[in-house]
Amino acid sequence: AKPKPMPGKIWQDYIQIDGASLYARRNTDGEGRPIVFIHASASSSYSMDRTMAPFIGKRPVLAIDLPGNGESDNPMGATVTVEAQANYLAQAIKAAGYDEVDIFGYWGGCTVAVETAIQNPALVKHLALPTLMVIDDVTRDDYLANYTPTIEFEEFGAHLIKVWNMERDQELFSPWFKRKKDHISRYGEPNIAPDAIHRRTVDLFKCLDIYQGAYAAHFRYPILGKLPQVR
């Protein structure tokens, strides 16, 4: 059964696409062109609630767990590409009933936003990319080597503590694995409330099988070569 919209609130939905179900959070109170919010790597649509909330009643809003993240199926398999993520996201947007949208991307979600616009120029009218990653080759290789360590399950739960601290330090340092004064994050007020870090920790474990591949795909995406292709 389709869920009934909840006025004034973000409500949950599942969107059926090519051989999979993608989990969505949305509100349809507002009028005008919908805004689609794309979460960061190894995250979920829950992370977009704070950004979506101010638009409730003004514009329709939609955030979807990317394939293999959160509560979404993974029709991609083990190989993650930005192109595949964008393809499935566009399918979900259209299945949600929209033929024109604006897109807001967050960190790794910015690359998916750009690729979605390139693949679907008639669908995507505007992009908002406040945390677009433009990194040189040396930085990219550093990130590929250190940003996504392998998480080994340990009998007494040390893997939980490791991921919790990784997620916390992403809010405090840039990049998170360089925990020094020169790398203190300048991207605004860090959100290190325990419930926020808990949610992010759970999100990473939900996509543990593809989290390294997802980050790698976003780091490797040739953003400077792609941006000129966006209308």
Foldseek 3Di string as FASTA:
>chain_A
DFDDADALDWDWGWFDFDVWIWIKTWHAQADDAEEEEEEAFLAFQVVCCVVCNVCRNHHIYMYIGFDLFDPIHHPPPQADALLVSLVRVVRRCVSVPAQAHEYEYDHLRLSNNLNNCLVRVRHYDYYHYPPQDDDDPVVLVVCLVPVDDQQDDDDVGVSLVVQLQCLQQVQAFVNSVPPDPVGGDPPDDRDSPPVVSVNSSVRNVSNVSHRSNSVNNSSPRPVVVRVVSHD
